[in-house]
PDB file of N, CA and C in Angstrom:
ATOM      1  N   UNK A   1     -11.723  22.430   5.065  1.00  0.00           N
ATOM      2  CA  UNK A   1     -12.194  23.217   6.282  1.00  0.00           C
ATOM      3  C   UNK A   1     -13.022  22.424   7.296  1.00  0.00           C
ATOM      4  N   UNK A   2     -13.708  21.495   6.776  1.00  0.00           N
ATOM      5  CA  UNK A   2     -14.538  20.672   7.452  1.00  0.00           C
ATOM      6  C   UNK A   2     -13.700  19.830   8.552  1.00  0.00           C
ATOM      7  N   UNK A   3     -12.669  19.308   8.237  1.00  0.00           N
ATOM      8  CA  UNK A   3     -11.708  18.522   9.034  1.00  0.00           C
ATOM      9  C   UNK A   3     -11.228  19.501  10.070  1.00  0.00           C
ATOM     10  N   UNK A   4     -10.979  20.676   9.883  1.00  0.00           N
ATOM     11  CA  UNK A   4     -10.599  21.636  10.892  1.00  0.00           C
ATOM     12  C   UNK A   4     -11.678  21.876  11.899  1.00  0.00           C
ATOM     13  N   UNK A   5     -12.891  21.963  11.389  1.00  0.00           N
ATOM     14  CA  UNK A   5     -14.047  22.018  12.265  1.00  0.00           C
ATOM     15  C   UNK A   5     -14.096  20.832  13.167  1.00  0.00           C
ATOM     16  N   UNK A   6     -13.988  19.552  12.612  1.00  0.00           N
ATOM     17  CA  UNK A   6     -13.993  18.379  13.447  1.00  0.00           C
ATOM     18  C   UNK A   6     -12.911  18.393  14.560  1.00  0.00           C
ATOM     19  N   UNK A   7     -11.785  18.958  14.248  1.00  0.00           N
ATOM     20  CA  UNK A   7     -10.716  19.069  15.151  1.00  0.00           C
ATOM     21  C   UNK A   7     -10.858  20.215  16.208  1.00  0.00           C
ATOM     22  N   UNK A   8     -11.811  20.956  15.930  1.00  0.00           N
ATOM     23  CA  UNK A   8     -12.111  22.135  16.952  1.00  0.00           C
ATOM     24  C   UNK A   8     -11.142  23.393  16.614  1.00  0.00           C
ATOM     25  N   UNK A   9     -10.639  23.464  15.450  1.00  0.00           N
ATOM     26  CA  UNK A   9      -9.730  24.515  15.157  1.00  0.00           C
ATOM     27  C   UNK A   9     -10.118  25.296  13.962  1.00  0.00           C
ATOM     28  N   UNK A  10     -11.286  25.662  13.667  1.00  0.00           N
ATOM     29  CA  UNK A  10     -11.665  26.201  12.312  1.00  0.00           C
ATOM     30  C   UNK A  10     -11.148  27.649  12.246  1.00  0.00           C
ATOM     31  N   UNK A  11     -10.987  28.382  13.345  1.00  0.00           N
ATOM     32  CA  UNK A  11     -10.560  29.732  13.193  1.00  0.00           C
ATOM     33  C   UNK A  11      -9.164  29.989  13.570  1.00  0.00           C
ATOM     34  N   UNK A  12      -8.334  28.951  13.670  1.00  0.00           N
ATOM     35  CA  UNK A  12      -6.922  29.267  14.024  1.00  0.00           C
ATOM     36  C   UNK A  12      -6.184  29.701  12.868  1.00  0.00           C
ATOM     37  N   UNK A  13      -5.369  30.753  13.037  1.00  0.00           N
ATOM     38  CA  UNK A  13      -4.742  31.417  11.933  1.00  0.00           C
ATOM     39  C   UNK A  13      -3.858  30.468  11.149  1.00  0.00           C
ATOM     40  N   UNK A  14      -3.099  29.564  11.622  1.00  0.00           N
ATOM     41  CA  UNK A  14      -2.245  28.731  10.897  1.00  0.00           C
ATOM     42  C   UNK A  14      -3.023  27.829   9.998  1.00  0.00           C
ATOM     43  N   UNK A  15      -4.299  27.417  10.400  1.00  0.00           N
ATOM     44  CA  UNK A  15      -5.045  26.563   9.656  1.00  0.00           C
ATOM     45  C   UNK A  15      -5.596  27.267   8.449  1.00  0.00           C
ATOM     46  N   UNK A  16      -5.987  28.573   8.779  1.00  0.00           N
ATOM     47  CA  UNK A  16      -6.475  29.415   7.524  1.00  0.00           C
ATOM     48  C   UNK A  16      -5.300  29.615   6.622  1.00  0.00           C
ATOM     49  N   UNK A  17      -4.147  29.774   7.168  1.00  0.00           N
ATOM     50  CA  UNK A  17      -3.010  30.003   6.200  1.00  0.00           C
ATOM     51  C   UNK A  17      -2.704  28.763   5.376  1.00  0.00           C
ATOM     52  N   UNK A  18      -2.894  27.660   5.935  1.00  0.00           N
ATOM     53  CA  UNK A  18      -2.647  26.328   5.134  1.00  0.00           C
ATOM     54  C   UNK A  18      -3.703  26.302   4.120  1.00  0.00           C
ATOM     55  N   UNK A  19      -4.945  26.504   4.427  1.00  0.00           N
ATOM     56  CA  UNK A  19      -6.095  26.383   3.542  1.00  0.00           C
ATOM     57  C   UNK A  19      -5.816  27.371   2.293  1.00  0.00           C
ATOM     58  N   UNK A  20      -5.382  28.597   2.680  1.00  0.00           N
ATOM     59  CA  UNK A  20      -5.067  29.592   1.575  1.00  0.00           C
ATOM     60  C   UNK A  20      -3.918  29.089   0.795  1.00  0.00           C
ATOM     61  N   UNK A  21      -2.801  28.552   1.380  1.00  0.00           N
ATOM     62  CA  UNK A  21      -1.830  28.087   0.591  1.00  0.00           C
ATOM     63  C   UNK A  21      -2.272  26.871  -0.313  1.00  0.00           C
ATOM     64  N   UNK A  22      -3.158  26.046   0.205  1.00  0.00           N
ATOM     65  CA  UNK A  22      -3.668  24.881  -0.716  1.00  0.00           C
ATOM     66  C   UNK A  22      -4.392  25.490  -1.858  1.00  0.00           C
ATOM     67  N   UNK A  23      -5.184  26.482  -1.622  1.00  0.00           N
ATOM     68  CA  UNK A  23      -5.901  27.126  -2.720  1.00  0.00           C
ATOM     69  C   UNK A  23      -4.949  27.734  -3.788  1.00  0.00           C
ATOM     70  N   UNK A  24      -3.930  28.473  -3.318  1.00  0.00           N
ATOM     71  CA  UNK A  24      -2.950  29.143  -4.061  1.00  0.00           C
ATOM     72  C   UNK A  24      -2.269  28.084  -4.862  1.00  0.00           C
ATOM     73  N   UNK A  25      -1.721  27.007  -4.385  1.00  0.00           N
ATOM     74  CA  UNK A  25      -1.111  26.017  -5.192  1.00  0.00           C
ATOM     75  C   UNK A  25      -2.002  25.391  -6.223  1.00  0.00           C
ATOM     76  N   UNK A  26      -3.231  25.136  -5.859  1.00  0.00           N
ATOM     77  CA  UNK A  26      -4.250  24.491  -6.874  1.00  0.00           C
ATOM     78  C   UNK A  26      -4.457  25.522  -7.977  1.00  0.00           C
ATOM     79  N   UNK A  27      -4.668  26.757  -7.645  1.00  0.00           N
ATOM     80  CA  UNK A  27      -5.051  27.709  -8.783  1.00  0.00           C
ATOM     81  C   UNK A  27      -3.763  28.152  -9.443  1.00  0.00           C
ATOM     82  N   UNK A  28      -2.605  27.813  -8.995  1.00  0.00           N
ATOM     83  CA  UNK A  28      -1.334  28.152  -9.772  1.00  0.00           C
ATOM     84  C   UNK A  28      -1.275  27.146 -10.933  1.00  0.00           C
ATOM     85  N   UNK A  29      -1.629  25.969 -10.522  1.00  0.00           N
ATOM     86  CA  UNK A  29      -1.515  24.841 -11.594  1.00  0.00           C
ATOM     87  C   UNK A  29      -2.552  25.171 -12.631  1.00  0.00           C
ATOM     88  N   UNK A  30      -3.764  25.536 -12.245  1.00  0.00           N
ATOM     89  CA  UNK A  30      -4.883  25.891 -13.207  1.00  0.00           C
ATOM     90  C   UNK A  30      -4.437  27.103 -14.062  1.00  0.00           C
ATOM     91  N   UNK A  31      -3.796  28.133 -13.511  1.00  0.00           N
ATOM     92  CA  UNK A  31      -3.523  29.310 -14.211  1.00  0.00           C
ATOM     93  C   UNK A  31      -2.349  28.997 -15.205  1.00  0.00           C
ATOM     94  N   UNK A  32      -1.487  28.166 -14.852  1.00  0.00           N
ATOM     95  CA  UNK A  32      -0.422  27.842 -15.853  1.00  0.00           C
ATOM     96  C   UNK A  32      -0.967  26.993 -17.067  1.00  0.00           C
ATOM     97  N   UNK A  33      -1.934  26.100 -16.883  1.00  0.00           N
ATOM     98  CA  UNK A  33      -2.567  25.519 -17.963  1.00  0.00           C
ATOM     99  C   UNK A  33      -3.427  26.349 -18.734  1.00  0.00           C
ATOM    100  N   UNK A  34      -4.104  27.288 -18.167  1.00  0.00           N
ATOM    101  CA  UNK A  34      -4.853  28.258 -18.909  1.00  0.00           C
ATOM    102  C   UNK A  34      -3.981  29.140 -19.754  1.00  0.00           C
ATOM    103  N   UNK A  35      -3.041  29.658 -19.142  1.00  0.00           N
ATOM    104  CA  UNK A  35      -2.022  30.567 -19.903  1.00  0.00           C
ATOM    105  C   UNK A  35      -1.318  29.840 -21.090  1.00  0.00           C
ATOM    106  N   UNK A  36      -0.868  28.611 -20.742  1.00  0.00           N
ATOM    107  CA  UNK A  36      -0.385  27.809 -21.982  1.00  0.00           C
ATOM    108  C   UNK A  36      -1.352  27.622 -23.064  1.00  0.00           C
ATOM    109  N   UNK A  37      -2.551  27.351 -22.747  1.00  0.00           N
ATOM    110  CA  UNK A  37      -3.624  27.160 -23.791  1.00  0.00           C
ATOM    111  C   UNK A  37      -3.924  28.461 -24.489  1.00  0.00           C
ATOM    112  N   UNK A  38      -4.019  29.657 -23.689  1.00  0.00           N
ATOM    113  CA  UNK A  38      -4.330  30.869 -24.322  1.00  0.00           C
ATOM    114  C   UNK A  38      -3.290  31.346 -25.244  1.00  0.00           C
ATOM    115  N   UNK A  39      -1.996  31.007 -24.950  1.00  0.00           N
ATOM    116  CA  UNK A  39      -0.816  31.349 -25.837  1.00  0.00           C
ATOM    117  C   UNK A  39      -0.519  30.386 -26.939  1.00  0.00           C
ATOM    118  N   UNK A  40      -1.362  29.403 -27.054  1.00  0.00           N
ATOM    119  CA  UNK A  40      -1.260  28.368 -28.092  1.00  0.00           C
ATOM    120  C   UNK A  40      -1.241  29.050 -29.494  1.00  0.00           C
ATOM    121  N   UNK A  41      -0.595  28.299 -30.311  1.00  0.00           N
ATOM    122  CA  UNK A  41      -0.686  28.813 -31.771  1.00  0.00           C
ATOM    123  C   UNK A  41      -1.090  27.528 -32.700  1.00  0.00           C
ATOM    124  N   UNK A  42      -1.762  27.997 -33.839  1.00  0.00           N
ATOM    125  CA  UNK A  42      -2.378  27.005 -34.810  1.00  0.00           C
ATOM    126  C   UNK A  42      -1.251  26.504 -35.639  1.00  0.00           C
ATOM    127  N   UNK A  43      -1.184  25.232 -35.738  1.00  0.00           N
ATOM    128  CA  UNK A  43      -0.200  24.615 -36.673  1.00  0.00           C
ATOM    129  C   UNK A  43      -0.823  24.467 -38.079  1.00  0.00           C
ATOM    130  N   UNK A  44      -0.048  24.087 -38.998  1.00  0.00           N
ATOM    131  CA  UNK A  44      -0.438  23.917 -40.429  1.00  0.00           C
ATOM    132  C   UNK A  44      -1.498  22.872 -40.431  1.00  0.00           C
ATOM    133  N   UNK A  45      -1.397  21.834 -39.665  1.00  0.00           N
ATOM    134  CA  UNK A  45      -2.503  20.736 -39.822  1.00  0.00           C
ATOM    135  C   UNK A  45      -3.824  21.208 -39.203  1.00  0.00           C
ATOM    136  N   UNK A  46      -3.911  22.307 -38.544  1.00  0.00           N
ATOM    137  CA  UNK A  46      -5.183  22.847 -37.986  1.00  0.00           C
ATOM    138  C   UNK A  46      -5.233  22.585 -36.484  1.00  0.00           C
ATOM    139  N   UNK A  47      -4.320  21.830 -35.965  1.00  0.00           N
ATOM    140  CA  UNK A  47      -4.322  21.617 -34.391  1.00  0.00           C
ATOM    141  C   UNK A  47      -3.642  22.733 -33.723  1.00  0.00           C
ATOM    142  N   UNK A  48      -3.902  23.018 -32.481  1.00  0.00           N
ATOM    143  CA  UNK A  48      -3.252  23.965 -31.646  1.00  0.00           C
ATOM    144  C   UNK A  48      -2.125  23.468 -30.889  1.00  0.00           C
ATOM    145  N   UNK A  49      -1.044  24.048 -30.738  1.00  0.00           N
ATOM    146  CA  UNK A  49       0.079  23.609 -29.993  1.00  0.00           C
ATOM    147  C   UNK A  49       0.300  24.674 -28.766  1.00  0.00           C
ATOM    148  N   UNK A  50       0.116  24.118 -27.615  1.00  0.00           N
ATOM    149  CA  UNK A  50       0.354  25.052 -26.377  1.00  0.00           C
ATOM    150  C   UNK A  50       1.674  25.760 -26.395  1.00  0.00           C
ATOM    151  N   UNK A  51       1.763  26.769 -25.769  1.00  0.00           N
ATOM    152  CA  UNK A  51       3.137  27.457 -25.627  1.00  0.00           C
ATOM    153  C   UNK A  51       3.994  26.626 -24.710  1.00  0.00           C
ATOM    154  N   UNK A  52       5.134  26.306 -25.270  1.00  0.00           N
ATOM    155  CA  UNK A  52       6.055  25.237 -24.638  1.00  0.00           C
ATOM    156  C   UNK A  52       6.410  25.554 -23.194  1.00  0.00           C
ATOM    157  N   UNK A  53       6.931  26.812 -22.927  1.00  0.00           N
ATOM    158  CA  UNK A  53       7.416  27.114 -21.736  1.00  0.00           C
ATOM    159  C   UNK A  53       6.357  27.080 -20.585  1.00  0.00           C
ATOM    160  N   UNK A  54       5.285  27.585 -20.882  1.00  0.00           N
ATOM    161  CA  UNK A  54       4.127  27.606 -19.899  1.00  0.00           C
ATOM    162  C   UNK A  54       3.682  26.226 -19.712  1.00  0.00           C
ATOM    163  N   UNK A  55       3.674  25.371 -20.730  1.00  0.00           N
ATOM    164  CA  UNK A  55       3.117  23.967 -20.649  1.00  0.00           C
ATOM    165  C   UNK A  55       4.195  23.223 -19.699  1.00  0.00           C
ATOM    166  N   UNK A  56       5.468  23.499 -19.845  1.00  0.00           N
ATOM    167  CA  UNK A  56       6.397  22.862 -19.009  1.00  0.00           C
ATOM    168  C   UNK A  56       6.281  23.348 -17.539  1.00  0.00           C
ATOM    169  N   UNK A  57       6.029  24.569 -17.429  1.00  0.00           N
ATOM    170  CA  UNK A  57       5.773  25.135 -16.023  1.00  0.00           C
ATOM    171  C   UNK A  57       4.621  24.426 -15.446  1.00  0.00           C
ATOM    172  N   UNK A  58       3.499  24.296 -16.143  1.00  0.00           N
ATOM    173  CA  UNK A  58       2.351  23.618 -15.573  1.00  0.00           C
ATOM    174  C   UNK A  58       2.630  22.187 -15.277  1.00  0.00           C
ATOM    175  N   UNK A  59       3.334  21.507 -16.208  1.00  0.00           N
ATOM    176  CA  UNK A  59       3.713  20.158 -15.869  1.00  0.00           C
ATOM    177  C   UNK A  59       4.648  20.008 -14.619  1.00  0.00           C
ATOM    178  N   UNK A  60       5.579  20.812 -14.493  1.00  0.00           N
ATOM    179  CA  UNK A  60       6.402  21.025 -13.331  1.00  0.00           C
ATOM    180  C   UNK A  60       5.641  21.019 -12.088  1.00  0.00           C
ATOM    181  N   UNK A  61       4.659  21.999 -12.119  1.00  0.00           N
ATOM    182  CA  UNK A  61       3.889  22.323 -10.969  1.00  0.00           C
ATOM    183  C   UNK A  61       2.929  21.004 -10.522  1.00  0.00           C
ATOM    184  N   UNK A  62       2.408  20.440 -11.622  1.00  0.00           N
ATOM    185  CA  UNK A  62       1.528  19.302 -11.358  1.00  0.00           C
ATOM    186  C   UNK A  62       2.291  18.049 -10.757  1.00  0.00           C
ATOM    187  N   UNK A  63       3.605  18.034 -11.001  1.00  0.00           N
ATOM    188  CA  UNK A  63       4.453  16.951 -10.438  1.00  0.00           C
ATOM    189  C   UNK A  63       4.815  17.325  -8.991  1.00  0.00           C
ATOM    190  N   UNK A  64       4.629  18.459  -8.608  1.00  0.00           N
ATOM    191  CA  UNK A  64       5.059  18.834  -7.170  1.00  0.00           C
ATOM    192  C   UNK A  64       3.991  19.276  -6.311  1.00  0.00           C
ATOM    193  N   UNK A  65       3.081  20.147  -6.760  1.00  0.00           N
ATOM    194  CA  UNK A  65       2.060  20.800  -5.855  1.00  0.00           C
ATOM    195  C   UNK A  65       1.086  19.829  -5.210  1.00  0.00           C
ATOM    196  N   UNK A  66       0.567  18.730  -5.969  1.00  0.00           N
ATOM    197  CA  UNK A  66      -0.413  17.964  -5.383  1.00  0.00           C
ATOM    198  C   UNK A  66       0.128  17.287  -4.090  1.00  0.00           C
ATOM    199  N   UNK A  67       1.439  17.019  -4.009  1.00  0.00           N
ATOM    200  CA  UNK A  67       1.981  16.318  -2.824  1.00  0.00           C
ATOM    201  C   UNK A  67       2.082  17.457  -1.625  1.00  0.00           C
ATOM    202  N   UNK A  68       2.313  18.639  -2.023  1.00  0.00           N
ATOM    203  CA  UNK A  68       2.397  19.704  -1.008  1.00  0.00           C
ATOM    204  C   UNK A  68       0.852  19.938  -0.497  1.00  0.00           C
ATOM    205  N   UNK A  69      -0.043  19.938  -1.312  1.00  0.00           N
ATOM    206  CA  UNK A  69      -1.443  20.077  -0.983  1.00  0.00           C
ATOM    207  C   UNK A  69      -1.825  19.002  -0.081  1.00  0.00           C
ATOM    208  N   UNK A  70      -1.474  17.770  -0.366  1.00  0.00           N
ATOM    209  CA  UNK A  70      -1.811  16.640   0.506  1.00  0.00           C
ATOM    210  C   UNK A  70      -1.079  16.659   1.856  1.00  0.00           C
ATOM    211  N   UNK A  71       0.156  17.258   1.856  1.00  0.00           N
ATOM    212  CA  UNK A  71       0.846  17.348   3.119  1.00  0.00           C
ATOM    213  C   UNK A  71       0.147  18.431   4.040  1.00  0.00           C
ATOM    214  N   UNK A  72      -0.369  19.523   3.334  1.00  0.00           N
ATOM    215  CA  UNK A  72      -0.992  20.521   4.150  1.00  0.00           C
ATOM    216  C   UNK A  72      -2.308  19.967   4.657  1.00  0.00           C
ATOM    217  N   UNK A  73      -2.967  19.093   3.835  1.00  0.00           N
ATOM    218  CA  UNK A  73      -4.286  18.624   4.329  1.00  0.00           C
ATOM    219  C   UNK A  73      -4.055  17.653   5.523  1.00  0.00           C
ATOM    220  N   UNK A  74      -2.963  16.896   5.410  1.00  0.00           N
ATOM    221  CA  UNK A  74      -2.657  15.982   6.634  1.00  0.00           C
ATOM    222  C   UNK A  74      -2.355  16.885   7.812  1.00  0.00           C
ATOM    223  N   UNK A  75      -1.622  18.003   7.707  1.00  0.00           N
ATOM    224  CA  UNK A  75      -1.276  18.873   8.895  1.00  0.00           C
ATOM    225  C   UNK A  75      -2.639  19.359   9.456  1.00  0.00           C
ATOM    226  N   UNK A  76      -3.543  19.684   8.612  1.00  0.00           N
ATOM    227  CA  UNK A  76      -4.763  20.285   9.017  1.00  0.00           C
ATOM    228  C   UNK A  76      -5.628  19.249   9.797  1.00  0.00           C
ATOM    229  N   UNK A  77      -5.648  18.025   9.196  1.00  0.00           N
ATOM    230  CA  UNK A  77      -6.464  16.846   9.737  1.00  0.00           C
ATOM    231  C   UNK A  77      -5.737  16.239  11.040  1.00  0.00           C
ATOM    232  N   UNK A  78      -4.599  16.619  11.381  1.00  0.00           N
ATOM    233  CA  UNK A  78      -3.939  16.120  12.598  1.00  0.00           C
ATOM    234  C   UNK A  78      -3.465  14.765  12.248  1.00  0.00           C
ATOM    235  N   UNK A  79      -3.225  14.304  11.011  1.00  0.00           N
ATOM    236  CA  UNK A  79      -2.671  12.986  10.696  1.00  0.00           C
ATOM    237  C   UNK A  79      -3.763  11.949  10.536  1.00  0.00           C
ATOM    238  N   UNK A  80      -4.908  12.212  10.994  1.00  0.00           N
ATOM    239  CA  UNK A  80      -6.025  11.175  10.897  1.00  0.00           C
ATOM    240  C   UNK A  80      -6.242  10.781   9.580  1.00  0.00           C
ATOM    241  N   UNK A  81      -6.165  11.627   8.543  1.00  0.00           N
ATOM    242  CA  UNK A  81      -6.386  11.261   7.042  1.00  0.00           C
ATOM    243  C   UNK A  81      -5.504  10.127   6.704  1.00  0.00           C
ATOM    244  N   UNK A  82      -4.221  10.151   7.135  1.00  0.00           N
ATOM    245  CA  UNK A  82      -3.261   9.122   6.722  1.00  0.00           C
ATOM    246  C   UNK A  82      -3.265   7.923   7.666  1.00  0.00           C
ATOM    247  N   UNK A  83      -3.837   8.028   8.769  1.00  0.00           N
ATOM    248  CA  UNK A  83      -3.700   6.950   9.704  1.00  0.00           C
ATOM    249  C   UNK A  83      -5.108   6.313  10.156  1.00  0.00           C
ATOM    250  N   UNK A  84      -6.101   6.725   9.347  1.00  0.00           N
ATOM    251  CA  UNK A  84      -7.513   6.356   9.641  1.00  0.00           C
ATOM    252  C   UNK A  84      -7.607   4.917   9.758  1.00  0.00           C
ATOM    253  N   UNK A  85      -8.133   4.351  10.889  1.00  0.00           N
ATOM    254  CA  UNK A  85      -8.356   2.952  11.159  1.00  0.00           C
ATOM    255  C   UNK A  85      -9.157   2.357  10.013  1.00  0.00           C
ATOM    256  N   UNK A  86      -9.049   1.132   9.766  1.00  0.00           N
ATOM    257  CA  UNK A  86      -9.765   0.354   8.686  1.00  0.00           C
ATOM    258  C   UNK A  86     -11.106  -0.139   9.398  1.00  0.00           C
ATOM    259  N   UNK A  87     -12.060  -0.663   8.520  1.00  0.00           N
ATOM    260  CA  UNK A  87     -13.227  -1.183   9.050  1.00  0.00           C
ATOM    261  C   UNK A  87     -13.011  -2.438  10.019  1.00  0.00           C
ATOM    262  N   UNK A  88     -11.907  -3.086   9.614  1.00  0.00           N
ATOM    263  CA  UNK A  88     -11.519  -4.285  10.487  1.00  0.00           C
ATOM    264  C   UNK A  88     -11.158  -3.815  11.836  1.00  0.00           C
ATOM    265  N   UNK A  89     -10.499  -2.720  11.860  1.00  0.00           N
ATOM    266  CA  UNK A  89     -10.072  -2.243  13.180  1.00  0.00           C
ATOM    267  C   UNK A  89     -11.337  -1.651  13.954  1.00  0.00           C
ATOM    268  N   UNK A  90     -12.232  -1.195  13.308  1.00  0.00           N
ATOM    269  CA  UNK A  90     -13.506  -0.704  14.096  1.00  0.00           C
ATOM    270  C   UNK A  90     -14.272  -1.852  14.567  1.00  0.00           C
ATOM    271  N   UNK A  91     -14.173  -3.074  13.876  1.00  0.00           N
ATOM    272  CA  UNK A  91     -14.895  -4.194  14.329  1.00  0.00           C
ATOM    273  C   UNK A  91     -14.112  -5.176  15.348  1.00  0.00           C
ATOM    274  N   UNK A  92     -12.829  -4.789  15.567  1.00  0.00           N
ATOM    275  CA  UNK A  92     -12.104  -5.536  16.581  1.00  0.00           C
ATOM    276  C   UNK A  92     -12.613  -5.390  17.862  1.00  0.00           C
ATOM    277  N   UNK A  93     -12.768  -6.531  18.712  1.00  0.00           N
ATOM    278  CA  UNK A  93     -13.545  -6.556  19.937  1.00  0.00           C
ATOM    279  C   UNK A  93     -12.872  -5.631  21.069  1.00  0.00           C
ATOM    280  N   UNK A  94     -11.550  -5.463  21.056  1.00  0.00           N
ATOM    281  CA  UNK A  94     -10.927  -4.545  22.016  1.00  0.00           C
ATOM    282  C   UNK A  94     -10.699  -3.136  21.443  1.00  0.00           C
ATOM    283  N   UNK A  95     -10.154  -3.096  20.278  1.00  0.00           N
ATOM    284  CA  UNK A  95      -9.770  -1.779  19.703  1.00  0.00           C
ATOM    285  C   UNK A  95     -11.040  -1.063  19.123  1.00  0.00           C
ATOM    286  N   UNK A  96     -11.987  -1.780  18.702  1.00  0.00           N
ATOM    287  CA  UNK A  96     -13.172  -1.172  18.019  1.00  0.00           C
ATOM    288  C   UNK A  96     -13.929  -0.146  19.068  1.00  0.00           C
ATOM    289  N   UNK A  97     -14.303  -0.589  20.244  1.00  0.00           N
ATOM    290  CA  UNK A  97     -14.889   0.327  21.140  1.00  0.00           C
ATOM    291  C   UNK A  97     -14.093   1.574  21.569  1.00  0.00           C
ATOM    292  N   UNK A  98     -12.841   1.272  21.635  1.00  0.00           N
ATOM    293  CA  UNK A  98     -11.841   2.485  21.917  1.00  0.00           C
ATOM    294  C   UNK A  98     -11.903   3.472  20.698  1.00  0.00           C
ATOM    295  N   UNK A  99     -11.811   2.925  19.525  1.00  0.00           N
ATOM    296  CA  UNK A  99     -11.772   3.763  18.394  1.00  0.00           C
ATOM    297  C   UNK A  99     -13.062   4.608  18.226  1.00  0.00           C
ATOM    298  N   UNK A 100     -14.185   3.922  18.444  1.00  0.00           N
ATOM    299  CA  UNK A 100     -15.498   4.644  18.431  1.00  0.00           C
ATOM    300  C   UNK A 100     -15.642   5.732  19.504  1.00  0.00           C
ATOM    301  N   UNK A 101     -14.967   5.474  20.698  1.00  0.00           N
ATOM    302  CA  UNK A 101     -15.140   6.357  21.821  1.00  0.00           C
ATOM    303  C   UNK A 101     -14.217   7.649  21.582  1.00  0.00           C
ATOM    304  N   UNK A 102     -13.040   7.376  20.967  1.00  0.00           N
ATOM    305  CA  UNK A 102     -12.194   8.494  20.853  1.00  0.00           C
ATOM    306  C   UNK A 102     -12.150   9.184  19.494  1.00  0.00           C
ATOM    307  N   UNK A 103     -12.829   8.586  18.478  1.00  0.00           N
ATOM    308  CA  UNK A 103     -12.882   9.204  17.192  1.00  0.00           C
ATOM    309  C   UNK A 103     -14.284   9.668  17.005  1.00  0.00           C
TER     310      UNK A 103
END
């Protein structure tokens, strides 16, 4: 939400929607992991084995959702997160002052 503030769009509805979606995706991963653990059963050896289907759902979500969360964060940040100039760019005699002025 801080990056939305910096861009001057903290109360824009589509920004709020994206933040809600990011939270939903993150909590879905967490919920699948908790559900799988809660449904675990004790093996003869004494260790617990998570419920297979829920564990696979969690694994599937972990392979997909972080990338979607990152994409939404990039949308909110206006691309600055992925195109942020380097320290070398800021020290450049021509580009540096322009970057400091406009960022």
